[in-house]
Amino acid sequence: MSLKNLLIAIILGVALATGIFLSVRMAGEASVPETATVLPSPVTLPAFSLVDHTGAAADESVFNGQWNLVFFGFTHCPDVCPLTLQTLAAANRQLADMGYDELPRIVLVSVDPERDTPGQLATYLKNFGDHNLGLTGDVAEIRKLTEALGIYFDKVDTDADYYVVDHSAVVIVIGPDGRYRALFSSPHKPEQFVHDLPLLMKL
């Protein structure tokens, strides 16, 4: 083999090896959640007693049996809550279009139980698709859950007839075993959930 051919062979070999390395590296990176913060180990939820949007009693076992995307908000929220729920609904539609059969359930836990009756939650959740879950009830019971998950909320009185509730905007991922697995911090985009959820549901 001539020196010229030897150099060409070496260059081609290096290029091939580099391509294989980059492909393996990119494949590995693609299998890692890009946006979600995954907990080092799943967290067991505390016992609580609430009601769902149908008026049925609901405790910590309500999350068992499916993946859940849990958001703490309220139906009178002017912006963050409807935008977040629309984002989650859009992500589920995209996942369904991609052929995924197992879609996470969207769960709204009210931080405004004074106004968010089961009927109010049921009507509101229809705007964001089917098979969603709403939870409401006594504030003390809601705080059992929010404190365990690091969720903040506080009622802000603006006048006698109208008030808002400040609250965290994270989306909590709870697995089929009813344990807290990961979270998505805001701002939220559908593509973040579309990329990360299939990976999280394999953990």
N, C-alpha and C. Protein backbone atom coordinates (compact mmCIF):
# COMPACT_ATOMS: atom_id res chain seq x y z
N MET A 1 0.85 -1.20 0.00
CA MET A 1 0.00 0.00 0.00
C MET A 1 0.87 1.24 0.00
N SER A 2 0.51 2.18 -0.87
CA SER A 2 1.29 3.40 -0.95
C SER A 2 1.03 4.27 0.27
N LEU A 3 1.95 5.23 0.49
CA LEU A 3 1.81 6.14 1.64
C LEU A 3 0.51 6.92 1.53
N LYS A 4 0.17 7.33 0.30
CA LYS A 4 -1.06 8.10 0.09
C LYS A 4 -2.28 7.29 0.46
N ASN A 5 -2.33 6.03 0.02
CA ASN A 5 -3.47 5.17 0.33
C ASN A 5 -3.55 4.87 1.82
N LEU A 6 -2.36 4.72 2.45
CA LEU A 6 -2.31 4.45 3.89
C LEU A 6 -2.91 5.63 4.67
N LEU A 7 -2.54 6.86 4.26
CA LEU A 7 -3.07 8.05 4.93
C LEU A 7 -4.58 8.16 4.75
N ILE A 8 -5.05 7.83 3.55
CA ILE A 8 -6.50 7.86 3.30
C ILE A 8 -7.22 6.85 4.18
N ALA A 9 -6.63 5.65 4.31
CA ALA A 9 -7.24 4.61 5.13
C ALA A 9 -7.30 5.03 6.59
N ILE A 10 -6.21 5.66 7.07
CA ILE A 10 -6.17 6.13 8.46
C ILE A 10 -7.24 7.19 8.70
N ILE A 11 -7.34 8.15 7.77
CA ILE A 11 -8.32 9.23 7.91
C ILE A 11 -9.75 8.68 7.92
N LEU A 12 -10.01 7.72 7.01
CA LEU A 12 -11.34 7.12 6.96
C LEU A 12 -11.64 6.35 8.24
N GLY A 13 -10.62 5.66 8.76
CA GLY A 13 -10.81 4.90 10.00
C GLY A 13 -11.12 5.81 11.18
N VAL A 14 -10.39 6.91 11.27
CA VAL A 14 -10.64 7.87 12.35
C VAL A 14 -12.03 8.48 12.23
N ALA A 15 -12.42 8.82 11.00
CA ALA A 15 -13.74 9.40 10.76
C ALA A 15 -14.85 8.43 11.16
N LEU A 16 -14.66 7.15 10.82
CA LEU A 16 -15.65 6.13 11.15
C LEU A 16 -15.77 5.97 12.66
N ALA A 17 -14.61 5.91 13.32
CA ALA A 17 -14.61 5.75 14.77
C ALA A 17 -15.27 6.95 15.45
N THR A 18 -14.98 8.13 14.94
CA THR A 18 -15.58 9.35 15.51
C THR A 18 -17.09 9.35 15.32
N GLY A 19 -17.53 8.92 14.15
CA GLY A 19 -18.97 8.87 13.88
C GLY A 19 -19.68 7.90 14.79
N ILE A 20 -19.06 6.74 15.02
CA ILE A 20 -19.66 5.74 15.91
C ILE A 20 -19.74 6.29 17.33
N PHE A 21 -18.67 6.94 17.77
CA PHE A 21 -18.64 7.51 19.13
C PHE A 21 -19.74 8.57 19.31
N LEU A 22 -19.87 9.45 18.32
CA LEU A 22 -20.87 10.51 18.42
C LEU A 22 -22.28 9.94 18.38
N SER A 23 -22.50 8.92 17.57
CA SER A 23 -23.82 8.30 17.48
C SER A 23 -24.21 7.66 18.80
N VAL A 24 -23.26 6.95 19.42
CA VAL A 24 -23.52 6.31 20.71
C VAL A 24 -23.79 7.35 21.77
N ARG A 25 -22.99 8.43 21.73
CA ARG A 25 -23.16 9.49 22.73
C ARG A 25 -24.51 10.18 22.57
N MET A 26 -24.89 10.47 21.32
CA MET A 26 -26.16 11.14 21.09
C MET A 26 -27.32 10.24 21.47
N ALA A 27 -27.19 8.94 21.20
CA ALA A 27 -28.24 8.00 21.58
C ALA A 27 -28.39 7.96 23.09
N GLY A 28 -27.26 8.01 23.79
CA GLY A 28 -27.31 8.00 25.26
C GLY A 28 -27.95 9.25 25.79
N GLU A 29 -27.62 10.40 25.20
CA GLU A 29 -28.20 11.65 25.66
C GLU A 29 -29.69 11.70 25.36
N ALA A 30 -30.11 11.10 24.27
CA ALA A 30 -31.52 11.13 23.91
C ALA A 30 -32.37 10.32 24.88
N SER A 31 -31.75 9.41 25.64
CA SER A 31 -32.49 8.56 26.57
C SER A 31 -32.52 9.15 27.97
N VAL A 32 -32.10 10.39 28.11
CA VAL A 32 -32.07 11.05 29.41
C VAL A 32 -33.06 12.21 29.40
N PRO A 33 -33.91 12.35 30.43
CA PRO A 33 -34.81 13.51 30.48
C PRO A 33 -34.03 14.81 30.40
N GLU A 34 -34.51 15.74 29.58
CA GLU A 34 -33.81 16.99 29.37
C GLU A 34 -34.32 18.12 30.27
N THR A 35 -35.59 18.06 30.65
CA THR A 35 -36.20 19.15 31.41
C THR A 35 -36.59 18.74 32.82
N ALA A 36 -37.13 17.56 32.97
CA ALA A 36 -37.61 17.10 34.27
C ALA A 36 -36.47 16.92 35.26
N THR A 37 -36.75 17.22 36.51
CA THR A 37 -35.84 16.92 37.61
C THR A 37 -36.29 15.60 38.22
N VAL A 38 -35.47 14.58 38.10
CA VAL A 38 -35.81 13.25 38.59
C VAL A 38 -35.30 13.10 40.03
N LEU A 39 -36.16 12.68 40.92
CA LEU A 39 -35.75 12.50 42.31
C LEU A 39 -34.79 11.32 42.43
N PRO A 40 -33.81 11.41 43.33
CA PRO A 40 -32.87 10.29 43.51
C PRO A 40 -33.59 8.99 43.87
N SER A 41 -34.66 9.10 44.64
CA SER A 41 -35.49 7.94 44.96
C SER A 41 -36.93 8.42 45.12
N PRO A 42 -37.92 7.60 44.72
CA PRO A 42 -39.32 8.02 44.81
C PRO A 42 -39.73 8.33 46.25
N VAL A 43 -40.64 9.29 46.40
CA VAL A 43 -41.11 9.73 47.71
C VAL A 43 -42.54 9.26 47.93
N THR A 44 -42.77 8.62 49.06
CA THR A 44 -44.12 8.17 49.42
C THR A 44 -44.96 9.35 49.88
N LEU A 45 -46.18 9.44 49.38
CA LEU A 45 -47.06 10.54 49.74
C LEU A 45 -47.68 10.33 51.12
N PRO A 46 -48.02 11.41 51.81
CA PRO A 46 -48.69 11.28 53.11
C PRO A 46 -50.15 10.90 52.93
N ALA A 47 -50.76 10.43 53.99
CA ALA A 47 -52.20 10.15 53.96
C ALA A 47 -52.97 11.47 53.92
N PHE A 48 -54.01 11.52 53.12
CA PHE A 48 -54.87 12.70 53.06
C PHE A 48 -56.28 12.26 52.71
N SER A 49 -57.23 13.16 52.94
CA SER A 49 -58.63 12.85 52.66
C SER A 49 -59.26 14.03 51.94
N LEU A 50 -59.55 13.85 50.64
CA LEU A 50 -60.15 14.89 49.81
C LEU A 50 -61.35 14.31 49.07
N VAL A 51 -61.90 15.06 48.14
CA VAL A 51 -62.95 14.55 47.25
C VAL A 51 -62.53 14.87 45.82
N ASP A 52 -62.98 14.03 44.89
CA ASP A 52 -62.64 14.29 43.50
C ASP A 52 -63.74 15.11 42.82
N HIS A 53 -63.58 15.35 41.52
CA HIS A 53 -64.51 16.22 40.80
C HIS A 53 -65.90 15.60 40.63
N THR A 54 -66.06 14.33 40.97
CA THR A 54 -67.38 13.70 40.94
C THR A 54 -68.04 13.72 42.32
N GLY A 55 -67.29 14.17 43.32
CA GLY A 55 -67.81 14.17 44.68
C GLY A 55 -67.44 12.94 45.48
N ALA A 56 -66.72 12.01 44.86
CA ALA A 56 -66.32 10.79 45.55
C ALA A 56 -65.12 11.05 46.45
N ALA A 57 -65.05 10.32 47.56
CA ALA A 57 -63.92 10.44 48.48
C ALA A 57 -62.64 10.01 47.78
N ALA A 58 -61.56 10.70 48.09
CA ALA A 58 -60.27 10.39 47.46
C ALA A 58 -59.17 10.53 48.50
N ASP A 59 -58.33 9.51 48.59
CA ASP A 59 -57.17 9.57 49.46
C ASP A 59 -55.91 9.37 48.63
N GLU A 60 -54.79 9.10 49.30
CA GLU A 60 -53.52 8.98 48.58
C GLU A 60 -53.51 7.86 47.54
N SER A 61 -54.40 6.88 47.68
CA SER A 61 -54.44 5.77 46.72
C SER A 61 -55.04 6.19 45.38
N VAL A 62 -55.59 7.41 45.30
CA VAL A 62 -56.21 7.86 44.05
C VAL A 62 -55.19 7.95 42.91
N PHE A 63 -53.90 8.04 43.25
CA PHE A 63 -52.87 8.14 42.22
C PHE A 63 -52.39 6.77 41.72
N ASN A 64 -52.79 5.71 42.40
CA ASN A 64 -52.29 4.38 42.05
C ASN A 64 -52.84 3.89 40.71
N GLY A 65 -52.01 3.15 39.99
CA GLY A 65 -52.48 2.47 38.78
C GLY A 65 -52.21 3.18 37.48
N GLN A 66 -51.76 4.44 37.51
CA GLN A 66 -51.43 5.15 36.28
C GLN A 66 -50.43 6.26 36.60
N TRP A 67 -49.80 6.77 35.56
CA TRP A 67 -48.92 7.92 35.73
C TRP A 67 -49.77 9.18 35.82
N ASN A 68 -49.35 10.11 36.66
CA ASN A 68 -50.11 11.32 36.92
C ASN A 68 -49.24 12.56 36.77
N LEU A 69 -49.79 13.58 36.09
CA LEU A 69 -49.17 14.90 36.03
C LEU A 69 -49.99 15.80 36.92
N VAL A 70 -49.45 16.15 38.07
CA VAL A 70 -50.22 16.84 39.10
C VAL A 70 -49.85 18.31 39.15
N PHE A 71 -50.88 19.15 39.02
CA PHE A 71 -50.69 20.59 39.08
C PHE A 71 -51.59 21.17 40.16
N PHE A 72 -51.03 22.07 40.96
CA PHE A 72 -51.80 22.71 42.02
C PHE A 72 -52.21 24.10 41.54
N GLY A 73 -53.52 24.32 41.40
CA GLY A 73 -54.00 25.59 40.90
C GLY A 73 -55.45 25.80 41.28
N PHE A 74 -56.15 26.67 40.54
CA PHE A 74 -57.55 26.94 40.86
C PHE A 74 -58.28 27.42 39.62
N THR A 75 -59.58 27.20 39.60
CA THR A 75 -60.34 27.43 38.38
C THR A 75 -60.54 28.91 38.06
N HIS A 76 -60.37 29.79 39.04
CA HIS A 76 -60.49 31.22 38.78
C HIS A 76 -59.14 31.86 38.41
N CYS A 77 -58.13 31.05 38.26
CA CYS A 77 -56.80 31.52 37.90
C CYS A 77 -56.85 32.17 36.52
N PRO A 78 -56.33 33.38 36.38
CA PRO A 78 -56.46 34.09 35.11
C PRO A 78 -55.48 33.68 34.02
N ASP A 79 -54.36 33.05 34.37
CA ASP A 79 -53.35 32.83 33.34
C ASP A 79 -52.56 31.52 33.51
N VAL A 80 -51.79 31.40 34.56
CA VAL A 80 -50.86 30.28 34.68
C VAL A 80 -51.56 28.93 34.65
N CYS A 81 -52.66 28.82 35.37
CA CYS A 81 -53.34 27.52 35.46
C CYS A 81 -53.90 27.05 34.11
N PRO A 82 -54.71 27.86 33.43
CA PRO A 82 -55.21 27.37 32.14
C PRO A 82 -54.10 27.14 31.11
N LEU A 83 -53.07 27.97 31.13
CA LEU A 83 -51.96 27.78 30.19
C LEU A 83 -51.22 26.47 30.47
N THR A 84 -51.00 26.18 31.74
CA THR A 84 -50.30 24.94 32.09
C THR A 84 -51.13 23.72 31.73
N LEU A 85 -52.41 23.74 32.04
CA LEU A 85 -53.26 22.60 31.72
C LEU A 85 -53.41 22.42 30.21
N GLN A 86 -53.45 23.51 29.46
CA GLN A 86 -53.48 23.43 28.00
C GLN A 86 -52.19 22.80 27.47
N THR A 87 -51.08 23.14 28.10
CA THR A 87 -49.78 22.58 27.70
C THR A 87 -49.75 21.08 27.93
N LEU A 88 -50.24 20.65 29.09
CA LEU A 88 -50.26 19.21 29.39
C LEU A 88 -51.19 18.47 28.44
N ALA A 89 -52.34 19.07 28.15
CA ALA A 89 -53.28 18.44 27.22
C ALA A 89 -52.67 18.34 25.82
N ALA A 90 -51.97 19.39 25.39
CA ALA A 90 -51.32 19.37 24.08
C ALA A 90 -50.24 18.29 24.01
N ALA A 91 -49.49 18.14 25.09
CA ALA A 91 -48.45 17.11 25.13
C ALA A 91 -49.06 15.72 25.04
N ASN A 92 -50.17 15.49 25.74
CA ASN A 92 -50.82 14.19 25.67
C ASN A 92 -51.35 13.91 24.26
N ARG A 93 -51.87 14.93 23.60
CA ARG A 93 -52.36 14.73 22.22
C ARG A 93 -51.21 14.36 21.30
N GLN A 94 -50.08 15.01 21.47
CA GLN A 94 -48.92 14.69 20.64
C GLN A 94 -48.42 13.29 20.90
N LEU A 95 -48.39 12.89 22.16
CA LEU A 95 -47.96 11.53 22.49
C LEU A 95 -48.92 10.50 21.90
N ALA A 96 -50.21 10.79 21.94
CA ALA A 96 -51.19 9.88 21.35
C ALA A 96 -50.99 9.78 19.84
N ASP A 97 -50.72 10.90 19.18
CA ASP A 97 -50.47 10.90 17.74
C ASP A 97 -49.21 10.12 17.38
N MET A 98 -48.27 10.07 18.32
CA MET A 98 -47.02 9.33 18.10
C MET A 98 -47.17 7.85 18.39
N GLY A 99 -48.36 7.44 18.83
CA GLY A 99 -48.63 6.02 19.02
C GLY A 99 -48.51 5.52 20.45
N TYR A 100 -48.35 6.41 21.40
CA TYR A 100 -48.25 5.98 22.79
C TYR A 100 -49.64 5.68 23.33
N ASP A 101 -49.81 4.48 23.87
CA ASP A 101 -51.10 4.08 24.43
C ASP A 101 -51.24 4.53 25.88
N GLU A 102 -50.15 4.48 26.61
CA GLU A 102 -50.18 4.86 28.03
C GLU A 102 -49.91 6.36 28.16
N LEU A 103 -50.96 7.10 28.43
CA LEU A 103 -50.83 8.54 28.59
C LEU A 103 -51.02 8.91 30.06
N PRO A 104 -50.22 9.82 30.58
CA PRO A 104 -50.37 10.22 31.97
C PRO A 104 -51.68 10.98 32.17
N ARG A 105 -52.27 10.81 33.34
CA ARG A 105 -53.51 11.52 33.67
C ARG A 105 -53.17 12.91 34.20
N ILE A 106 -53.92 13.90 33.73
CA ILE A 106 -53.75 15.27 34.22
C ILE A 106 -54.58 15.43 35.49
N VAL A 107 -53.95 15.92 36.55
CA VAL A 107 -54.62 16.07 37.84
C VAL A 107 -54.50 17.52 38.29
N LEU A 108 -55.63 18.15 38.58
CA LEU A 108 -55.65 19.49 39.16
C LEU A 108 -56.07 19.38 40.62
N VAL A 109 -55.16 19.76 41.51
CA VAL A 109 -55.49 19.82 42.94
C VAL A 109 -55.76 21.28 43.27
N SER A 110 -56.96 21.57 43.72
CA SER A 110 -57.34 22.96 43.96
C SER A 110 -56.65 23.54 45.18
N VAL A 111 -56.13 24.76 45.03
CA VAL A 111 -55.60 25.51 46.17
C VAL A 111 -56.61 26.61 46.56
N ASP A 112 -57.83 26.47 46.03
CA ASP A 112 -58.91 27.41 46.31
C ASP A 112 -60.21 26.62 46.56
N PRO A 113 -60.21 25.75 47.57
CA PRO A 113 -61.39 24.91 47.79
C PRO A 113 -62.64 25.69 48.17
N GLU A 114 -62.47 26.92 48.61
CA GLU A 114 -63.62 27.75 48.96
C GLU A 114 -64.54 27.96 47.76
N ARG A 115 -63.96 28.10 46.58
CA ARG A 115 -64.74 28.30 45.36
C ARG A 115 -64.77 27.05 44.49
N ASP A 116 -63.75 26.22 44.58
CA ASP A 116 -63.65 25.06 43.69
C ASP A 116 -64.37 23.85 44.27
N THR A 117 -65.67 23.82 44.04
CA THR A 117 -66.47 22.66 44.40
C THR A 117 -66.20 21.53 43.41
N PRO A 118 -66.60 20.31 43.72
CA PRO A 118 -66.45 19.24 42.73
C PRO A 118 -67.10 19.57 41.39
N GLY A 119 -68.29 20.16 41.43
CA GLY A 119 -68.95 20.52 40.18
C GLY A 119 -68.20 21.56 39.38
N GLN A 120 -67.63 22.54 40.06
CA GLN A 120 -66.83 23.57 39.39
C GLN A 120 -65.61 22.96 38.74
N LEU A 121 -64.94 22.04 39.45
CA LEU A 121 -63.77 21.36 38.89
C LEU A 121 -64.14 20.52 37.68
N ALA A 122 -65.27 19.81 37.77
CA ALA A 122 -65.69 18.95 36.67
C ALA A 122 -65.92 19.75 35.40
N THR A 123 -66.60 20.89 35.53
CA THR A 123 -66.86 21.74 34.37
C THR A 123 -65.55 22.31 33.80
N TYR A 124 -64.68 22.73 34.67
CA TYR A 124 -63.41 23.34 34.25
C TYR A 124 -62.51 22.34 33.53
N LEU A 125 -62.42 21.14 34.05
CA LEU A 125 -61.51 20.14 33.49
C LEU A 125 -61.92 19.65 32.11
N LYS A 126 -63.19 19.82 31.77
CA LYS A 126 -63.65 19.42 30.43
C LYS A 126 -62.94 20.22 29.33
N ASN A 127 -62.41 21.38 29.69
CA ASN A 127 -61.70 22.21 28.71
C ASN A 127 -60.35 21.62 28.31
N PHE A 128 -59.89 20.61 29.04
CA PHE A 128 -58.53 20.11 28.83
C PHE A 128 -58.50 18.61 28.52
N GLY A 129 -59.57 18.11 27.94
CA GLY A 129 -59.58 16.73 27.52
C GLY A 129 -60.35 15.82 28.47
N ASP A 130 -60.32 14.55 28.13
CA ASP A 130 -61.05 13.54 28.92
C ASP A 130 -60.13 12.87 29.93
N HIS A 131 -60.76 12.19 30.87
CA HIS A 131 -60.05 11.34 31.84
C HIS A 131 -59.13 12.12 32.77
N ASN A 132 -59.41 13.40 32.95
CA ASN A 132 -58.64 14.19 33.91
C ASN A 132 -59.23 14.00 35.31
N LEU A 133 -58.48 14.43 36.31
CA LEU A 133 -58.92 14.27 37.70
C LEU A 133 -58.80 15.60 38.42
N GLY A 134 -59.84 15.97 39.17
CA GLY A 134 -59.79 17.16 40.00
C GLY A 134 -59.93 16.76 41.46
N LEU A 135 -59.18 17.41 42.32
CA LEU A 135 -59.25 17.13 43.76
C LEU A 135 -59.47 18.43 44.51
N THR A 136 -60.34 18.40 45.51
CA THR A 136 -60.59 19.55 46.35
C THR A 136 -60.98 19.05 47.74
N GLY A 137 -61.22 19.99 48.65
CA GLY A 137 -61.58 19.58 50.01
C GLY A 137 -61.10 20.56 51.05
N ASP A 138 -60.93 20.09 52.24
CA ASP A 138 -60.50 20.93 53.35
C ASP A 138 -59.07 21.43 53.13
N VAL A 139 -58.85 22.71 53.44
CA VAL A 139 -57.53 23.30 53.24
C VAL A 139 -56.46 22.54 54.02
N ALA A 140 -56.76 22.13 55.23
CA ALA A 140 -55.78 21.41 56.04
C ALA A 140 -55.36 20.10 55.37
N GLU A 141 -56.30 19.43 54.71
CA GLU A 141 -55.96 18.19 54.02
C GLU A 141 -55.14 18.47 52.76
N ILE A 142 -55.46 19.56 52.07
CA ILE A 142 -54.67 19.94 50.89
C ILE A 142 -53.24 20.26 51.30
N ARG A 143 -53.08 20.92 52.43
CA ARG A 143 -51.73 21.29 52.89
C ARG A 143 -50.90 20.07 53.27
N LYS A 144 -51.53 18.99 53.67
CA LYS A 144 -50.77 17.76 53.94
C LYS A 144 -50.02 17.34 52.67
N LEU A 145 -50.70 17.48 51.56
CA LEU A 145 -50.10 17.08 50.28
C LEU A 145 -49.11 18.11 49.78
N THR A 146 -49.47 19.39 49.86
CA THR A 146 -48.57 20.42 49.34
C THR A 146 -47.27 20.50 50.14
N GLU A 147 -47.36 20.36 51.44
CA GLU A 147 -46.15 20.43 52.26
C GLU A 147 -45.22 19.27 51.98
N ALA A 148 -45.77 18.10 51.71
CA ALA A 148 -44.94 16.94 51.40
C ALA A 148 -44.25 17.08 50.05
N LEU A 149 -44.87 17.84 49.14
CA LEU A 149 -44.33 17.99 47.79
C LEU A 149 -43.59 19.31 47.58
N GLY A 150 -43.54 20.13 48.62
CA GLY A 150 -42.83 21.40 48.49
C GLY A 150 -43.59 22.43 47.68
N ILE A 151 -44.92 22.37 47.71
CA ILE A 151 -45.76 23.29 46.95
C ILE A 151 -46.20 24.44 47.86
N TYR A 152 -46.08 25.66 47.34
CA TYR A 152 -46.50 26.85 48.08
C TYR A 152 -47.84 27.35 47.54
N PHE A 153 -48.73 27.77 48.45
CA PHE A 153 -49.92 28.51 48.02
C PHE A 153 -50.41 29.39 49.16
N ASP A 154 -50.97 30.53 48.79
CA ASP A 154 -51.43 31.48 49.78
C ASP A 154 -52.50 32.37 49.16
N LYS A 155 -53.62 32.50 49.84
CA LYS A 155 -54.72 33.34 49.38
C LYS A 155 -54.34 34.81 49.53
N VAL A 156 -54.60 35.59 48.48
CA VAL A 156 -54.30 37.02 48.49
C VAL A 156 -55.61 37.78 48.34
N ASP A 157 -56.00 38.51 49.38
CA ASP A 157 -57.24 39.29 49.34
C ASP A 157 -57.01 40.60 48.59
N THR A 158 -57.74 40.77 47.50
CA THR A 158 -57.64 42.03 46.76
C THR A 158 -58.82 42.95 47.08
N ASP A 159 -59.98 42.36 47.33
CA ASP A 159 -61.13 43.12 47.82
C ASP A 159 -62.13 42.11 48.37
N ALA A 160 -63.26 42.59 48.80
CA ALA A 160 -64.22 41.71 49.47
C ALA A 160 -64.85 40.69 48.53
N ASP A 161 -64.94 41.03 47.25
CA ASP A 161 -65.66 40.17 46.31
C ASP A 161 -64.74 39.31 45.44
N TYR A 162 -63.47 39.63 45.38
CA TYR A 162 -62.59 38.88 44.48
C TYR A 162 -61.21 38.72 45.11
N TYR A 163 -60.64 37.56 44.96
CA TYR A 163 -59.30 37.31 45.45
C TYR A 163 -58.60 36.34 44.51
N VAL A 164 -57.29 36.28 44.60
CA VAL A 164 -56.49 35.32 43.85
C VAL A 164 -55.70 34.48 44.83
N VAL A 165 -55.07 33.44 44.32
CA VAL A 165 -54.25 32.56 45.15
C VAL A 165 -52.88 32.45 44.51
N ASP A 166 -51.87 32.90 45.22
CA ASP A 166 -50.49 32.69 44.76
C ASP A 166 -50.14 31.22 44.96
N HIS A 167 -49.43 30.63 44.00
CA HIS A 167 -49.09 29.22 44.15
C HIS A 167 -47.91 28.84 43.26
N SER A 168 -47.28 27.75 43.61
CA SER A 168 -46.19 27.21 42.80
C SER A 168 -46.74 26.76 41.45
N ALA A 169 -45.86 26.79 40.43
CA ALA A 169 -46.31 26.44 39.08
C ALA A 169 -45.64 25.17 38.55
N VAL A 170 -45.05 24.37 39.44
CA VAL A 170 -44.42 23.14 38.98
C VAL A 170 -45.45 22.07 38.66
N VAL A 171 -45.07 21.11 37.83
CA VAL A 171 -45.89 19.95 37.55
C VAL A 171 -45.20 18.74 38.19
N ILE A 172 -45.92 18.06 39.05
CA ILE A 172 -45.39 16.92 39.79
C ILE A 172 -45.72 15.63 39.04
N VAL A 173 -44.74 14.74 38.91
CA VAL A 173 -44.97 13.44 38.28
C VAL A 173 -45.07 12.38 39.37
N ILE A 174 -46.23 11.73 39.44
CA ILE A 174 -46.47 10.66 40.41
C ILE A 174 -46.69 9.37 39.63
N GLY A 175 -45.95 8.33 40.02
CA GLY A 175 -45.98 7.07 39.30
C GLY A 175 -47.17 6.20 39.66
N PRO A 176 -47.33 5.07 38.97
CA PRO A 176 -48.44 4.15 39.23
C PRO A 176 -48.41 3.54 40.63
N ASP A 177 -47.27 3.63 41.28
CA ASP A 177 -47.17 3.14 42.66
C ASP A 177 -47.58 4.21 43.66
N GLY A 178 -48.03 5.36 43.15
CA GLY A 178 -48.48 6.42 44.04
C GLY A 178 -47.37 7.22 44.68
N ARG A 179 -46.17 7.12 44.13
CA ARG A 179 -45.03 7.84 44.72
C ARG A 179 -44.55 8.95 43.80
N TYR A 180 -44.05 9.99 44.42
CA TYR A 180 -43.55 11.19 43.74
C TYR A 180 -42.22 10.84 43.08
N ARG A 181 -42.14 11.00 41.73
CA ARG A 181 -40.97 10.57 40.97
C ARG A 181 -40.13 11.72 40.42
N ALA A 182 -40.77 12.78 39.94
CA ALA A 182 -40.05 13.85 39.25
C ALA A 182 -40.91 15.10 39.22
N LEU A 183 -40.30 16.20 38.75
CA LEU A 183 -41.06 17.44 38.61
C LEU A 183 -40.57 18.22 37.39
N PHE A 184 -41.48 19.00 36.83
CA PHE A 184 -41.16 19.92 35.73
C PHE A 184 -41.34 21.33 36.26
N SER A 185 -40.30 22.13 36.18
CA SER A 185 -40.39 23.53 36.60
C SER A 185 -40.90 24.38 35.44
N SER A 186 -41.52 25.51 35.77
CA SER A 186 -42.00 26.41 34.73
C SER A 186 -40.84 27.26 34.20
N PRO A 187 -40.99 27.83 32.99
CA PRO A 187 -42.17 27.78 32.11
C PRO A 187 -42.29 26.43 31.40
N HIS A 188 -43.51 26.05 31.09
CA HIS A 188 -43.77 24.74 30.51
C HIS A 188 -44.04 24.83 29.02
N LYS A 189 -43.50 23.84 28.28
CA LYS A 189 -43.74 23.75 26.85
C LYS A 189 -44.11 22.31 26.52
N PRO A 190 -45.04 22.09 25.58
CA PRO A 190 -45.45 20.72 25.26
C PRO A 190 -44.29 19.80 24.89
N GLU A 191 -43.34 20.33 24.12
CA GLU A 191 -42.24 19.46 23.65
C GLU A 191 -41.38 18.93 24.80
N GLN A 192 -41.34 19.66 25.90
CA GLN A 192 -40.57 19.18 27.06
C GLN A 192 -41.20 17.91 27.61
N PHE A 193 -42.51 17.90 27.71
CA PHE A 193 -43.22 16.72 28.23
C PHE A 193 -43.20 15.59 27.21
N VAL A 194 -43.34 15.93 25.94
CA VAL A 194 -43.33 14.91 24.89
C VAL A 194 -41.99 14.17 24.88
N HIS A 195 -40.90 14.88 25.09
CA HIS A 195 -39.58 14.24 25.12
C HIS A 195 -39.36 13.44 26.40
N ASP A 196 -39.68 14.03 27.54
CA ASP A 196 -39.26 13.45 28.81
C ASP A 196 -40.21 12.39 29.37
N LEU A 197 -41.52 12.54 29.13
CA LEU A 197 -42.47 11.62 29.77
C LEU A 197 -42.27 10.15 29.37
N PRO A 198 -42.07 9.83 28.08
CA PRO A 198 -41.84 8.42 27.76
C PRO A 198 -40.61 7.85 28.48
N LEU A 199 -39.61 8.68 28.71
CA LEU A 199 -38.41 8.23 29.41
C LEU A 199 -38.69 8.05 30.90
N LEU A 200 -39.43 9.00 31.48
CA LEU A 200 -39.76 8.90 32.90
C LEU A 200 -40.63 7.68 33.18
N MET A 201 -41.51 7.36 32.26
CA MET A 201 -42.43 6.25 32.50
C MET A 201 -41.76 4.88 32.33
N LYS A 202 -40.48 4.91 31.94
CA LYS A 202 -39.69 3.67 31.88
C LYS A 202 -38.86 3.46 33.13
N LEU A 203 -38.77 4.49 33.98
CA LEU A 203 -37.92 4.39 35.18
C LEU A 203 -38.53 3.44 36.20
